[in-house]
Amino acid sequence: MLRLHDTPTPETDALLSRAMFPDPARVQAALRRYRADPEWQLHTWVVNGTPVSAAGLTVQGGVGTVLHIGTHPGLAGQGYARALLRGLLQALNLHALTASTDDTAADFYRRSGFHVDEIPSPWERRRYRCTLTLDR
């Protein structure tokens, strides 16, 4: 079940933290922003009353930009994050979802139906722009 505009909890914090740069100060700053910035939306996929996947995004002009997405480690690979993204596309009436990621998550986005293009990176790691549209 999809929950829109969910209230951050320790469970959703843990899910989102899985997708963040492993710097505790940066993680805490991002989690605070989900609580304070109304443009940073939090949505969850819930199974039997328990959040199993969470996504943070912004929405502008019918396009959602995924900032973070994470799934409970014991439930990864079961399609919850993919279902969450597809559900958001429909529930928020978006015509596209985008994400910027590195090699770690590029395959997830490909398997989820996103078009994945390599983009210039200011860091040593490769970066990708991922786009899912209604016609994909």
N, C-alpha and C. Protein backbone atom coordinates (compact mmCIF):
# COMPACT_ATOMS: atom_id res chain seq x y z
N MET A 1 0.84 -1.17 0.00
CA MET A 1 0.00 0.00 0.00
C MET A 1 0.89 1.24 0.00
N LEU A 2 0.53 2.19 -0.81
CA LEU A 2 1.26 3.45 -0.93
C LEU A 2 0.73 4.45 0.08
N ARG A 3 1.63 5.10 0.81
CA ARG A 3 1.26 6.21 1.71
C ARG A 3 1.90 7.47 1.16
N LEU A 4 1.06 8.45 0.85
CA LEU A 4 1.54 9.72 0.33
C LEU A 4 1.79 10.70 1.46
N HIS A 5 2.79 11.55 1.29
CA HIS A 5 3.11 12.61 2.25
C HIS A 5 3.14 12.05 3.67
N ASP A 6 3.91 11.02 3.85
CA ASP A 6 4.01 10.38 5.15
C ASP A 6 4.80 11.25 6.12
N THR A 7 4.52 11.08 7.39
CA THR A 7 5.26 11.77 8.44
C THR A 7 6.53 10.98 8.74
N PRO A 8 7.69 11.63 8.75
CA PRO A 8 8.92 10.90 9.05
C PRO A 8 8.85 10.24 10.43
N THR A 9 9.38 9.03 10.49
CA THR A 9 9.46 8.26 11.73
C THR A 9 10.87 7.67 11.79
N PRO A 10 11.26 7.10 12.91
CA PRO A 10 12.56 6.42 12.94
C PRO A 10 12.67 5.32 11.87
N GLU A 11 11.56 4.64 11.56
CA GLU A 11 11.58 3.59 10.53
C GLU A 11 11.84 4.18 9.15
N THR A 12 11.15 5.28 8.82
CA THR A 12 11.37 5.88 7.50
C THR A 12 12.74 6.53 7.42
N ASP A 13 13.21 7.09 8.54
CA ASP A 13 14.57 7.64 8.57
C ASP A 13 15.59 6.55 8.22
N ALA A 14 15.41 5.37 8.81
CA ALA A 14 16.34 4.26 8.56
C ALA A 14 16.30 3.84 7.09
N LEU A 15 15.11 3.81 6.50
CA LEU A 15 14.99 3.43 5.09
C LEU A 15 15.66 4.47 4.19
N LEU A 16 15.39 5.74 4.42
CA LEU A 16 15.99 6.79 3.60
C LEU A 16 17.50 6.85 3.78
N SER A 17 17.96 6.64 5.00
CA SER A 17 19.41 6.69 5.28
C SER A 17 20.20 5.69 4.46
N ARG A 18 19.55 4.61 4.06
CA ARG A 18 20.23 3.59 3.25
C ARG A 18 20.65 4.15 1.89
N ALA A 19 20.00 5.24 1.46
CA ALA A 19 20.28 5.81 0.15
C ALA A 19 21.11 7.08 0.22
N MET A 20 21.63 7.38 1.39
CA MET A 20 22.35 8.64 1.55
C MET A 20 23.85 8.41 1.70
N PHE A 21 24.61 9.44 1.34
CA PHE A 21 26.05 9.42 1.49
C PHE A 21 26.36 9.12 2.96
N PRO A 22 27.24 8.18 3.23
CA PRO A 22 27.45 7.74 4.63
C PRO A 22 28.24 8.71 5.50
N ASP A 23 27.81 9.95 5.52
CA ASP A 23 28.38 10.96 6.39
C ASP A 23 27.29 11.32 7.39
N PRO A 24 27.45 11.00 8.67
CA PRO A 24 26.37 11.21 9.64
C PRO A 24 25.82 12.63 9.66
N ALA A 25 26.65 13.63 9.50
CA ALA A 25 26.17 15.02 9.51
C ALA A 25 25.28 15.29 8.29
N ARG A 26 25.68 14.77 7.13
CA ARG A 26 24.86 14.97 5.92
C ARG A 26 23.55 14.20 6.01
N VAL A 27 23.60 13.00 6.57
CA VAL A 27 22.38 12.21 6.73
C VAL A 27 21.40 12.95 7.64
N GLN A 28 21.88 13.43 8.77
CA GLN A 28 21.00 14.15 9.70
C GLN A 28 20.45 15.43 9.08
N ALA A 29 21.25 16.13 8.31
CA ALA A 29 20.78 17.36 7.65
C ALA A 29 19.66 17.04 6.66
N ALA A 30 19.82 15.98 5.90
CA ALA A 30 18.78 15.59 4.93
C ALA A 30 17.51 15.15 5.66
N LEU A 31 17.65 14.37 6.72
CA LEU A 31 16.47 13.92 7.47
C LEU A 31 15.73 15.11 8.09
N ARG A 32 16.47 16.09 8.58
CA ARG A 32 15.84 17.30 9.13
C ARG A 32 15.06 18.04 8.03
N ARG A 33 15.62 18.04 6.84
CA ARG A 33 14.96 18.75 5.74
C ARG A 33 13.63 18.10 5.37
N TYR A 34 13.53 16.75 5.47
CA TYR A 34 12.25 16.10 5.21
C TYR A 34 11.19 16.54 6.22
N ARG A 35 11.62 16.90 7.41
CA ARG A 35 10.68 17.35 8.43
C ARG A 35 10.32 18.83 8.28
N ALA A 36 11.24 19.64 7.75
CA ALA A 36 11.06 21.09 7.76
C ALA A 36 10.68 21.70 6.41
N ASP A 37 11.10 21.10 5.32
CA ASP A 37 10.90 21.69 4.00
C ASP A 37 9.69 21.05 3.32
N PRO A 38 8.61 21.79 3.13
CA PRO A 38 7.41 21.20 2.52
C PRO A 38 7.62 20.74 1.08
N GLU A 39 8.67 21.20 0.43
CA GLU A 39 8.94 20.75 -0.93
C GLU A 39 9.59 19.36 -0.96
N TRP A 40 10.17 18.94 0.16
CA TRP A 40 10.77 17.61 0.25
C TRP A 40 9.70 16.67 0.78
N GLN A 41 9.13 15.89 -0.14
CA GLN A 41 8.04 14.97 0.20
C GLN A 41 8.59 13.59 0.58
N LEU A 42 7.91 12.95 1.51
CA LEU A 42 8.24 11.59 1.92
C LEU A 42 7.05 10.70 1.63
N HIS A 43 7.31 9.57 0.97
CA HIS A 43 6.26 8.61 0.64
C HIS A 43 6.77 7.22 0.98
N THR A 44 5.87 6.35 1.41
CA THR A 44 6.30 5.01 1.80
C THR A 44 5.43 3.94 1.15
N TRP A 45 6.03 2.76 1.04
CA TRP A 45 5.30 1.55 0.65
C TRP A 45 5.20 0.73 1.92
N VAL A 46 3.96 0.39 2.28
CA VAL A 46 3.69 -0.27 3.55
C VAL A 46 3.14 -1.66 3.31
N VAL A 47 3.67 -2.64 4.04
CA VAL A 47 3.19 -4.01 3.97
C VAL A 47 2.82 -4.44 5.39
N ASN A 48 1.59 -4.88 5.57
CA ASN A 48 1.10 -5.30 6.88
C ASN A 48 1.35 -4.25 7.96
N GLY A 49 1.15 -2.97 7.60
CA GLY A 49 1.30 -1.89 8.56
C GLY A 49 2.71 -1.41 8.81
N THR A 50 3.70 -2.02 8.14
CA THR A 50 5.10 -1.67 8.36
C THR A 50 5.69 -1.05 7.10
N PRO A 51 6.32 0.13 7.23
CA PRO A 51 6.99 0.71 6.06
C PRO A 51 8.16 -0.18 5.63
N VAL A 52 8.15 -0.60 4.37
CA VAL A 52 9.22 -1.46 3.87
C VAL A 52 10.11 -0.73 2.86
N SER A 53 9.60 0.36 2.29
CA SER A 53 10.38 1.15 1.35
C SER A 53 9.92 2.60 1.48
N ALA A 54 10.87 3.52 1.38
CA ALA A 54 10.55 4.95 1.49
C ALA A 54 11.27 5.70 0.38
N ALA A 55 10.58 6.72 -0.14
CA ALA A 55 11.18 7.57 -1.16
C ALA A 55 10.95 9.02 -0.78
N GLY A 56 12.00 9.80 -0.96
CA GLY A 56 11.91 11.24 -0.78
C GLY A 56 12.03 11.88 -2.15
N LEU A 57 11.18 12.86 -2.43
CA LEU A 57 11.25 13.51 -3.73
C LEU A 57 10.73 14.93 -3.68
N THR A 58 11.01 15.64 -4.73
CA THR A 58 10.42 16.95 -4.97
C THR A 58 9.59 16.84 -6.24
N VAL A 59 8.60 17.71 -6.37
CA VAL A 59 7.73 17.69 -7.55
C VAL A 59 7.63 19.10 -8.08
N GLN A 60 7.82 19.21 -9.39
CA GLN A 60 7.70 20.51 -10.04
C GLN A 60 7.21 20.30 -11.47
N GLY A 61 6.09 20.92 -11.79
CA GLY A 61 5.58 20.87 -13.15
C GLY A 61 5.31 19.48 -13.68
N GLY A 62 4.77 18.60 -12.87
CA GLY A 62 4.46 17.25 -13.32
C GLY A 62 5.63 16.30 -13.37
N VAL A 63 6.79 16.73 -12.89
CA VAL A 63 7.98 15.88 -12.86
C VAL A 63 8.42 15.71 -11.41
N GLY A 64 8.54 14.46 -10.99
CA GLY A 64 9.04 14.17 -9.66
C GLY A 64 10.53 13.85 -9.75
N THR A 65 11.30 14.39 -8.83
CA THR A 65 12.73 14.10 -8.76
C THR A 65 12.99 13.30 -7.50
N VAL A 66 13.43 12.07 -7.68
CA VAL A 66 13.72 11.19 -6.54
C VAL A 66 15.03 11.65 -5.92
N LEU A 67 14.96 12.01 -4.64
CA LEU A 67 16.14 12.44 -3.91
C LEU A 67 16.80 11.25 -3.21
N HIS A 68 15.97 10.39 -2.62
CA HIS A 68 16.45 9.21 -1.90
C HIS A 68 15.38 8.12 -2.01
N ILE A 69 15.82 6.88 -2.09
CA ILE A 69 14.89 5.76 -2.01
C ILE A 69 15.62 4.60 -1.34
N GLY A 70 14.97 4.00 -0.38
CA GLY A 70 15.59 2.91 0.34
C GLY A 70 14.56 1.87 0.75
N THR A 71 15.01 0.64 0.81
CA THR A 71 14.16 -0.50 1.20
C THR A 71 14.81 -1.22 2.36
N HIS A 72 13.97 -1.77 3.22
CA HIS A 72 14.47 -2.55 4.35
C HIS A 72 15.44 -3.60 3.82
N PRO A 73 16.63 -3.73 4.43
CA PRO A 73 17.65 -4.64 3.88
C PRO A 73 17.20 -6.09 3.76
N GLY A 74 16.35 -6.55 4.65
CA GLY A 74 15.87 -7.93 4.56
C GLY A 74 14.82 -8.14 3.50
N LEU A 75 14.35 -7.06 2.89
CA LEU A 75 13.28 -7.15 1.89
C LEU A 75 13.70 -6.63 0.52
N ALA A 76 14.96 -6.30 0.37
CA ALA A 76 15.46 -5.78 -0.91
C ALA A 76 15.29 -6.83 -2.00
N GLY A 77 15.05 -6.36 -3.21
CA GLY A 77 14.94 -7.26 -4.36
C GLY A 77 13.56 -7.87 -4.53
N GLN A 78 12.59 -7.47 -3.74
CA GLN A 78 11.25 -8.04 -3.84
C GLN A 78 10.26 -7.13 -4.57
N GLY A 79 10.75 -6.01 -5.10
CA GLY A 79 9.91 -5.14 -5.92
C GLY A 79 9.20 -4.03 -5.18
N TYR A 80 9.47 -3.85 -3.89
CA TYR A 80 8.77 -2.80 -3.14
C TYR A 80 9.16 -1.40 -3.60
N ALA A 81 10.43 -1.14 -3.82
CA ALA A 81 10.86 0.18 -4.27
C ALA A 81 10.31 0.47 -5.67
N ARG A 82 10.33 -0.52 -6.53
CA ARG A 82 9.79 -0.36 -7.88
C ARG A 82 8.28 -0.05 -7.80
N ALA A 83 7.56 -0.78 -6.95
CA ALA A 83 6.12 -0.53 -6.78
C ALA A 83 5.88 0.87 -6.23
N LEU A 84 6.73 1.31 -5.30
CA LEU A 84 6.61 2.65 -4.74
C LEU A 84 6.77 3.70 -5.83
N LEU A 85 7.79 3.57 -6.66
CA LEU A 85 8.01 4.55 -7.73
C LEU A 85 6.86 4.56 -8.73
N ARG A 86 6.40 3.41 -9.14
CA ARG A 86 5.28 3.33 -10.09
C ARG A 86 4.01 3.91 -9.46
N GLY A 87 3.80 3.61 -8.18
CA GLY A 87 2.64 4.15 -7.48
C GLY A 87 2.68 5.65 -7.39
N LEU A 88 3.87 6.21 -7.15
CA LEU A 88 4.01 7.67 -7.07
C LEU A 88 3.73 8.33 -8.41
N LEU A 89 4.21 7.72 -9.48
CA LEU A 89 3.97 8.26 -10.81
C LEU A 89 2.47 8.44 -11.05
N GLN A 90 1.71 7.42 -10.67
CA GLN A 90 0.26 7.47 -10.88
C GLN A 90 -0.45 8.32 -9.84
N ALA A 91 -0.16 8.11 -8.56
CA ALA A 91 -0.89 8.79 -7.49
C ALA A 91 -0.67 10.30 -7.50
N LEU A 92 0.52 10.73 -7.87
CA LEU A 92 0.82 12.17 -7.91
C LEU A 92 0.54 12.77 -9.28
N ASN A 93 0.02 11.94 -10.19
CA ASN A 93 -0.32 12.38 -11.55
C ASN A 93 0.88 13.02 -12.24
N LEU A 94 2.02 12.34 -12.15
CA LEU A 94 3.25 12.83 -12.77
C LEU A 94 3.37 12.29 -14.18
N HIS A 95 4.01 13.04 -15.04
CA HIS A 95 4.29 12.50 -16.38
C HIS A 95 5.70 11.93 -16.44
N ALA A 96 6.53 12.22 -15.41
CA ALA A 96 7.88 11.65 -15.39
C ALA A 96 8.43 11.66 -13.97
N LEU A 97 9.33 10.71 -13.74
CA LEU A 97 10.16 10.67 -12.54
C LEU A 97 11.60 10.70 -12.99
N THR A 98 12.44 11.44 -12.28
CA THR A 98 13.86 11.47 -12.60
C THR A 98 14.66 11.19 -11.34
N ALA A 99 15.89 10.78 -11.53
CA ALA A 99 16.81 10.56 -10.41
C ALA A 99 18.22 10.72 -10.93
N SER A 100 19.11 11.16 -10.07
CA SER A 100 20.53 11.22 -10.36
C SER A 100 21.19 10.23 -9.42
N THR A 101 22.03 9.35 -9.97
CA THR A 101 22.61 8.30 -9.14
C THR A 101 24.00 7.92 -9.62
N ASP A 102 24.58 6.94 -8.94
CA ASP A 102 25.89 6.43 -9.32
C ASP A 102 25.76 4.97 -9.73
N ASP A 103 26.90 4.29 -9.91
CA ASP A 103 26.88 2.89 -10.33
C ASP A 103 26.10 1.99 -9.38
N THR A 104 26.08 2.35 -8.09
CA THR A 104 25.43 1.51 -7.09
C THR A 104 23.96 1.29 -7.40
N ALA A 105 23.25 2.31 -7.86
CA ALA A 105 21.80 2.20 -8.06
C ALA A 105 21.37 2.25 -9.52
N ALA A 106 22.28 2.47 -10.44
CA ALA A 106 21.88 2.59 -11.85
C ALA A 106 21.15 1.34 -12.34
N ASP A 107 21.61 0.16 -11.97
CA ASP A 107 20.93 -1.06 -12.41
C ASP A 107 19.53 -1.18 -11.83
N PHE A 108 19.33 -0.74 -10.59
CA PHE A 108 17.98 -0.74 -10.01
C PHE A 108 17.05 0.09 -10.88
N TYR A 109 17.49 1.28 -11.25
CA TYR A 109 16.63 2.14 -12.07
C TYR A 109 16.39 1.52 -13.44
N ARG A 110 17.40 0.91 -14.04
CA ARG A 110 17.20 0.23 -15.33
C ARG A 110 16.14 -0.86 -15.20
N ARG A 111 16.28 -1.72 -14.17
CA ARG A 111 15.32 -2.81 -13.97
C ARG A 111 13.92 -2.27 -13.67
N SER A 112 13.84 -1.05 -13.18
CA SER A 112 12.54 -0.45 -12.86
C SER A 112 11.92 0.27 -14.05
N GLY A 113 12.56 0.20 -15.20
CA GLY A 113 12.00 0.78 -16.41
C GLY A 113 12.47 2.17 -16.75
N PHE A 114 13.43 2.69 -16.00
CA PHE A 114 13.97 4.03 -16.27
C PHE A 114 14.95 3.97 -17.44
N HIS A 115 14.99 5.04 -18.20
CA HIS A 115 16.05 5.22 -19.20
C HIS A 115 17.23 5.81 -18.44
N VAL A 116 18.41 5.21 -18.58
CA VAL A 116 19.58 5.61 -17.80
C VAL A 116 20.68 6.10 -18.74
N ASP A 117 21.11 7.35 -18.52
CA ASP A 117 22.18 7.95 -19.32
C ASP A 117 23.31 8.40 -18.40
N GLU A 118 24.54 8.13 -18.83
CA GLU A 118 25.68 8.64 -18.05
C GLU A 118 25.78 10.15 -18.26
N ILE A 119 26.08 10.86 -17.18
CA ILE A 119 26.22 12.32 -17.23
C ILE A 119 27.58 12.70 -16.66
N PRO A 120 28.07 13.90 -16.96
CA PRO A 120 29.36 14.33 -16.38
C PRO A 120 29.28 14.34 -14.85
N SER A 121 30.39 13.99 -14.24
CA SER A 121 30.46 13.93 -12.78
C SER A 121 31.64 14.75 -12.27
N PRO A 122 31.42 15.55 -11.23
CA PRO A 122 32.54 16.28 -10.64
C PRO A 122 33.37 15.42 -9.68
N TRP A 123 32.88 14.20 -9.44
CA TRP A 123 33.56 13.30 -8.52
C TRP A 123 34.24 12.17 -9.27
N GLU A 124 34.93 11.33 -8.56
CA GLU A 124 35.61 10.20 -9.18
C GLU A 124 34.63 9.10 -9.61
N ARG A 125 33.44 9.11 -9.06
CA ARG A 125 32.43 8.10 -9.38
C ARG A 125 31.62 8.52 -10.59
N ARG A 126 31.22 7.54 -11.40
CA ARG A 126 30.36 7.82 -12.54
C ARG A 126 28.97 8.20 -12.05
N ARG A 127 28.28 9.09 -12.77
CA ARG A 127 26.94 9.54 -12.42
C ARG A 127 25.99 9.27 -13.58
N TYR A 128 24.72 9.10 -13.25
CA TYR A 128 23.71 8.77 -14.25
C TYR A 128 22.45 9.59 -14.01
N ARG A 129 21.80 9.96 -15.09
CA ARG A 129 20.48 10.59 -15.05
C ARG A 129 19.49 9.51 -15.46
N CYS A 130 18.52 9.26 -14.60
CA CYS A 130 17.53 8.21 -14.82
C CYS A 130 16.16 8.87 -15.00
N THR A 131 15.43 8.43 -16.02
CA THR A 131 14.13 9.03 -16.32
C THR A 131 13.11 7.95 -16.61
N LEU A 132 11.97 8.05 -15.95
CA LEU A 132 10.83 7.16 -16.20
C LEU A 132 9.67 8.03 -16.63
N THR A 133 9.11 7.74 -17.79
CA THR A 133 7.94 8.49 -18.27
C THR A 133 6.77 7.53 -18.41
N LEU A 134 5.59 8.08 -18.53
CA LEU A 134 4.38 7.26 -18.62
C LEU A 134 4.43 6.28 -19.77
N ASP A 135 5.08 6.64 -20.86
CA ASP A 135 5.10 5.75 -22.02
C ASP A 135 6.21 4.71 -21.93
N ARG A 136 6.96 4.62 -20.82
CA ARG A 136 8.01 3.61 -20.69
C ARG A 136 7.45 2.37 -20.06
